[in-house]
Protein backbone atom coordinates (compact mmCIF):
# COMPACT_ATOMS: atom_id res chain seq x y z
CA MET A 1 0.01 0.07 -0.06
CA LYS A 2 1.24 3.54 -0.84
CA LYS A 3 2.19 5.63 2.02
CA ILE A 4 -0.84 7.57 3.36
CA ASP A 5 -0.70 11.40 2.81
CA LEU A 6 -3.61 13.50 3.87
CA SER A 7 -1.93 16.88 3.30
CA GLY A 8 -4.40 19.59 2.58
CA ARG A 9 -7.34 17.53 3.97
CA VAL A 10 -9.30 19.13 6.84
CA ALA A 11 -10.59 16.61 9.32
CA VAL A 12 -13.41 17.54 11.88
CA VAL A 13 -13.25 15.25 15.03
CA THR A 14 -15.86 15.17 17.66
CA GLY A 15 -15.10 13.93 21.21
CA ALA A 16 -11.51 14.95 20.39
CA SER A 17 -10.60 15.76 24.07
CA ARG A 18 -9.64 12.21 24.93
CA GLY A 19 -9.74 8.40 24.25
CA ILE A 20 -10.51 7.30 20.71
CA GLY A 21 -11.12 10.97 19.35
CA ARG A 22 -7.69 12.16 20.62
CA ALA A 23 -6.09 8.91 19.13
CA ILE A 24 -7.66 9.43 15.72
CA ALA A 25 -6.77 13.17 15.72
CA LEU A 26 -3.05 12.43 16.34
CA GLU A 27 -3.09 9.63 13.78
CA LEU A 28 -4.48 12.05 11.01
CA ALA A 29 -2.25 14.84 12.08
CA GLY A 30 0.66 12.52 11.56
CA VAL A 31 0.00 12.18 7.93
CA GLY A 32 -0.59 15.90 7.25
CA ALA A 33 -4.24 16.53 7.79
CA LYS A 34 -5.48 19.81 9.33
CA LEU A 35 -7.57 19.27 12.61
CA ALA A 36 -10.70 20.89 13.78
CA LEU A 37 -11.03 19.49 17.27
CA LEU A 38 -14.53 19.48 18.91
CA GLY A 39 -15.49 18.71 22.36
CA ARG A 40 -16.96 20.05 25.75
CA ASP A 41 -13.94 19.92 27.92
CA SER A 42 -11.77 22.96 27.22
CA ALA A 43 -8.99 21.82 29.24
CA LYS A 44 -8.80 18.30 27.76
CA LEU A 45 -9.21 19.76 24.32
CA ALA A 46 -6.28 22.05 24.89
CA GLU A 47 -4.11 19.02 25.76
CA THR A 48 -5.10 17.39 22.46
CA LEU A 49 -4.31 20.63 20.59
CA ALA A 50 -0.91 20.74 22.18
CA MET A 51 -0.20 17.17 21.13
CA VAL A 52 -1.44 17.63 17.56
CA ARG A 53 0.50 20.83 17.13
CA ALA A 54 3.59 19.11 18.39
CA SER A 55 3.41 16.81 15.48
CA GLY A 56 3.60 19.80 13.12
CA ALA A 57 -0.15 19.83 12.14
CA GLU A 58 -2.33 22.84 11.84
CA ALA A 59 -5.23 22.69 14.26
CA GLU A 60 -7.92 24.56 16.08
CA THR A 61 -10.36 23.75 18.89
CA TYR A 62 -14.06 24.54 19.12
CA ILE A 63 -16.14 24.06 22.22
CA CYS A 64 -19.23 22.15 21.02
CA ASP A 65 -21.89 20.00 22.52
CA VAL A 66 -23.23 18.01 19.61
CA ARG A 67 -26.65 17.65 21.21
CA TYR A 68 -27.51 21.19 20.40
CA GLU A 69 -27.93 22.35 16.82
CA ASP A 70 -27.00 25.92 17.44
CA GLN A 71 -23.61 24.88 18.87
CA VAL A 72 -23.10 22.41 15.86
CA LYS A 73 -23.96 25.10 13.34
CA GLN A 74 -21.59 27.64 14.98
CA ALA A 75 -18.73 25.06 14.99
CA ALA A 76 -19.55 24.39 11.29
CA ASP A 77 -19.44 28.09 10.52
CA GLN A 78 -16.13 28.48 12.45
CA VAL A 79 -14.61 25.61 10.56
CA LYS A 80 -15.61 27.15 7.28
CA ALA A 81 -14.24 30.47 8.19
CA ARG A 82 -10.97 29.00 9.51
CA PHE A 83 -10.25 26.23 6.95
CA GLY A 84 -12.59 26.98 4.07
CA ALA A 85 -13.76 23.45 3.66
CA ALA A 86 -13.91 20.08 5.27
CA HIS A 87 -12.98 16.67 3.86
CA ILE A 88 -13.17 14.23 6.75
CA LEU A 89 -15.68 13.99 9.45
CA ILE A 90 -15.12 11.71 12.55
CA ASN A 91 -18.23 11.30 14.57
CA ASN A 92 -16.79 10.03 17.77
CA ALA A 93 -18.53 11.89 20.56
CA GLY A 94 -20.67 9.52 22.86
CA THR A 95 -21.69 8.53 26.13
CA ALA A 96 -22.90 5.39 27.93
CA LEU A 97 -25.14 4.59 30.88
CA ARG A 98 -25.56 1.01 32.09
CA LYS A 99 -29.16 0.61 33.24
CA ASN A 100 -32.12 -1.68 32.51
CA ILE A 101 -34.46 -0.13 29.88
CA ILE A 102 -37.46 0.24 32.22
CA ASP A 103 -35.30 1.91 34.77
CA PHE A 104 -34.33 4.74 32.47
CA SER A 105 -35.75 8.20 33.26
CA PHE A 106 -36.81 10.16 30.16
CA ASP A 107 -33.98 12.65 30.76
CA GLU A 108 -31.44 9.86 30.79
CA TRP A 109 -32.93 8.49 27.51
CA ARG A 110 -32.59 11.90 25.94
CA ALA A 111 -29.01 12.27 27.24
CA LEU A 112 -28.01 9.09 25.53
CA THR A 113 -29.94 9.35 22.35
CA ASP A 114 -29.17 13.01 21.81
CA THR A 115 -25.47 12.52 22.26
CA ASN A 116 -24.90 9.29 20.54
CA PHE A 117 -27.36 9.49 17.71
CA THR A 118 -28.81 12.94 17.24
CA GLY A 119 -25.29 14.36 17.50
CA VAL A 120 -24.20 12.37 14.51
CA PHE A 121 -27.17 13.51 12.55
CA LEU A 122 -26.56 17.19 13.37
CA MET A 123 -22.90 17.00 12.56
CA CYS A 124 -23.52 15.33 9.21
CA LYS A 125 -26.23 17.91 8.48
CA HIS A 126 -23.93 20.85 9.01
CA ILE A 127 -20.58 19.58 8.01
CA VAL A 128 -21.46 17.69 4.74
CA PRO A 129 -22.10 20.89 2.85
CA LEU A 130 -18.50 21.77 3.50
CA MET A 131 -17.43 18.40 2.16
CA LYS A 132 -19.23 18.55 -1.21
CA GLY A 133 -17.60 19.29 -4.47
CA HIS A 134 -13.96 18.21 -3.62
CA GLY A 135 -14.09 14.74 -5.27
CA TYR A 136 -13.08 13.10 -1.99
CA GLY A 137 -14.71 12.75 1.36
CA ARG A 138 -14.89 10.43 4.39
CA ILE A 139 -17.38 10.17 7.21
CA ILE A 140 -16.54 7.74 9.97
CA ASN A 141 -19.17 7.06 12.51
CA LEU A 142 -18.00 5.40 15.72
CA THR A 143 -20.62 2.73 16.61
CA SER A 144 -19.94 -0.25 18.85
CA ILE A 145 -20.12 -3.96 19.06
CA MET A 146 -23.43 -3.19 20.69
CA ALA A 147 -24.85 -2.31 17.30
CA HIS A 148 -24.45 -6.06 16.67
CA VAL A 149 -25.15 -7.59 20.00
CA SER A 150 -26.42 -6.57 23.45
CA THR A 151 -26.29 -7.44 27.19
CA PRO A 152 -28.53 -6.61 30.00
CA GLY A 153 -28.18 -2.97 31.05
CA ARG A 154 -27.01 -1.94 27.46
CA GLY A 155 -30.35 -1.76 25.69
CA VAL A 156 -30.65 2.01 25.15
CA TYR A 157 -26.92 2.21 24.38
CA SER A 158 -27.37 -0.60 21.87
CA ALA A 159 -30.39 1.14 20.39
CA THR A 160 -28.35 4.33 19.77
CA LYS A 161 -25.61 2.47 18.00
CA HIS A 162 -28.01 0.42 15.80
CA ALA A 163 -29.52 3.86 14.81
CA VAL A 164 -26.00 5.20 13.90
CA LEU A 165 -25.33 2.10 11.80
CA GLY A 166 -28.59 2.59 9.95
CA LEU A 167 -27.86 6.21 9.37
CA THR A 168 -24.31 5.36 8.12
CA ARG A 169 -25.79 3.07 5.48
CA ALA A 170 -28.38 5.50 4.25
CA LEU A 171 -26.00 8.40 4.13
CA ALA A 172 -23.45 6.42 2.23
CA LEU A 173 -25.99 6.01 -0.62
CA GLU A 174 -27.11 9.58 -0.60
CA LEU A 175 -23.50 10.64 -1.02
CA ILE A 176 -22.23 8.33 -3.59
CA GLU A 177 -22.19 10.91 -6.38
CA GLU A 178 -20.26 13.27 -4.17
CA LYS A 179 -17.47 10.71 -3.72
CA ILE A 180 -18.02 11.00 0.03
CA ASN A 181 -17.54 7.56 1.52
CA VAL A 182 -19.43 6.81 4.87
CA VAL A 183 -18.09 3.95 6.99
CA ALA A 184 -18.80 2.80 10.51
CA ILE A 185 -16.28 1.46 12.95
CA SER A 186 -17.62 -0.82 15.67
CA PRO A 187 -15.10 -1.12 18.50
CA GLY A 188 -15.09 -3.77 21.13
CA PHE A 189 -14.10 -3.02 24.64
CA ILE A 190 -11.35 -0.33 24.40
CA ALA A 191 -9.15 1.05 27.25
CA THR A 192 -10.43 4.61 27.57
CA ASP A 193 -11.60 6.89 30.34
CA LEU A 194 -15.26 5.70 29.41
CA THR A 195 -14.40 2.04 30.34
CA ALA A 196 -12.11 2.94 33.37
CA PRO A 197 -14.81 1.92 35.89
CA LEU A 198 -15.17 -1.50 34.32
CA ARG A 199 -11.41 -2.08 34.25
CA ALA A 200 -11.19 -1.04 37.75
CA ASP A 201 -13.69 -3.59 38.92
CA PRO A 202 -12.00 -7.02 39.08
CA ALA A 203 -15.21 -9.05 38.63
CA LYS A 204 -16.46 -7.04 35.70
CA ASN A 205 -12.95 -6.83 34.21
CA SER A 206 -12.61 -10.56 34.35
CA ALA A 207 -15.93 -11.24 32.89
CA LEU A 208 -15.33 -8.99 29.92
CA LEU A 209 -11.83 -10.42 29.21
CA ALA A 210 -13.45 -13.89 29.36
CA GLN A 211 -15.87 -12.91 26.57
CA THR A 212 -13.15 -11.56 24.36
CA PRO A 213 -11.33 -14.15 22.56
CA MET A 214 -8.13 -12.25 22.26
CA GLN A 215 -8.32 -11.87 26.11
CA ARG A 216 -7.30 -8.26 26.32
CA TRP A 217 -8.72 -4.75 26.05
CA GLY A 218 -8.33 -2.95 22.74
CA GLN A 219 -6.33 0.27 22.50
CA ALA A 220 -7.60 3.54 21.21
CA GLU A 221 -4.57 3.58 18.82
CA GLU A 222 -5.86 0.44 17.17
CA ILE A 223 -9.18 2.12 16.34
CA ALA A 224 -7.28 5.18 14.99
CA SER A 225 -5.17 3.06 12.68
CA MET A 226 -8.41 1.60 11.16
CA ALA A 227 -9.79 5.28 10.78
CA LEU A 228 -6.55 6.21 9.12
CA TYR A 229 -6.93 3.36 6.55
CA ILE A 230 -10.61 4.32 5.76
CA CYS A 231 -9.38 7.89 5.04
CA SER A 232 -6.72 6.66 2.66
CA ASP A 233 -7.12 6.27 -1.02
CA ALA A 234 -6.65 2.47 -0.51
CA ALA A 235 -10.14 2.36 1.07
CA ALA A 236 -11.91 4.32 -1.84
CA PHE A 237 -14.17 1.26 -2.57
CA MET A 238 -15.49 1.12 1.06
CA THR A 239 -18.80 2.87 1.76
CA GLY A 240 -21.96 2.00 3.62
CA ASN A 241 -20.27 -0.75 5.66
CA ASP A 242 -19.30 -1.41 9.24
CA VAL A 243 -15.87 -2.56 10.36
CA LEU A 244 -15.67 -4.58 13.61
CA VAL A 245 -12.54 -4.08 15.70
CA ASP A 246 -13.40 -6.13 18.73
CA GLY A 247 -10.89 -8.90 19.50
CA GLY A 248 -13.16 -11.45 18.12
CA TRP A 249 -16.19 -10.79 20.30
CA CYS A 250 -18.79 -10.83 17.57
CA ALA A 251 -17.21 -13.89 15.92
CA GLN A 252 -18.46 -16.15 18.77
């Protein structure tokens, strides 16, 4: 495979302040992409910005809660003003709450669905216009193995990730003529801040490792490597599909 070069490409990354979002931002920065880093935590975003700029990449941060259209639109306008266009959109922002469906309050339901699903819709709605007309585009939606399977207490989270997968497939077909490829990545259990409580609980940690054929937690950098490949010309024939990176979980 030819060396990946994203020089001149502008990548918008949500949830860029930590974990998978930060890892993807760093991976894209390392091959020449310019970064628009979106998130809610200004201090953590500043950390990511410093790391990205240390690699020599051009980057800016934008405080944005993807649940709110006014904030998403403002971020899109700022990206347009700063970079002129966008070529890559990484929809990574997400949250989780482990609770049985009937025990969810409506506010908790909205918190998950608005962040994990509505936020993806809003980002696509306002960033895609910046991506059209360039003859190249990539939208990567971070879903989960819970878009394919589920467990007790993960019902609402699973529902949001199923929804994102459906949106991915439909949007891929809508954007074919624009040469904007839309692909989902479904990670398994990855060692990030979001999963820290699970890893800190010996019983839960052991149970999850026992269900993962590779017997280990995935690393954010492994998801970032897949995202980089999808953004490359080598993946130009990929669209509308979902890539599992799960240590064999869904093969069982």
